[in-house]
Amino acid sequence: MSEPILSVSGLKRSFVQGDVTIEVLRGVDFDLAPGEIVALLGPSGSGKSTLLQAVGLPGGGFAGSIRIDGVEAASLDNEGRTKVRREALGFIYQFHHLRPDSSAMENVVLPQLVQGHSEADALVRSAELLGALGLAARVDHKPSKLSGGEQQRVAVARALANRPRLILADEPTGNLDEGTADVVFGQFVELVRAEGSAALVATH
């Protein structure tokens, strides 16, 4: 059996409001294996985003163990957490957060250059991902010239560009109509499994 990409144990998070302590996470335990995609289901305020934030390693405020690709990440210092986020995690949000003055291709290439990949390799990788997401004819378009579904596909490609071991997605299709959301999410699932990554997805 494969070693978990993500292993969470005893994860707790609480907030104090006046004299009241609100327990949002109460000792959460779970593992995520390579190729596994797990949905966090629940209404707003149920703690889905808080759990994603904890696994995203912002630092402080959480108790428990978070192991990512075999590394006990919860106890790392700021530099160590930044390294794990950069090398092992990919993020997709409800709003795509693309660079408005950059093309679809440039939005996917940039994180690879930051990671130290050559421009030639980054262009090849970006073209592969955007092509797999049905955007081969749209790579030179800026976000303002793309539909909402196309913009979110670019965000998916960007999140996968550096081959992260774990994808964290917070309402990744929340701004799309139902039909488009189904298509984008289906493509996302296929790519994550093909890459051998794991994904934790918050949704309603």
Foldseek 3Di string as FASTA:
>chain_A
DADFQKWWFQKWAWDDDPPDIGTQDGTDTDTHFFLAEAEDDDDPPNCQVVVLVVQLAPADRMDTFIAGRNRRQRPDDPVSSVVCNLQAEFEAEQQLPFDQVAFLLCSQLVSVVVVPDDSVVSSVLSCVQCVLLVCNVRRRPGPVPDDRLSSLSSSLSNRPSNLHQEYEYENSNVPDDPVSSVSSVVSSSVVSNVSRHYYYYYDD
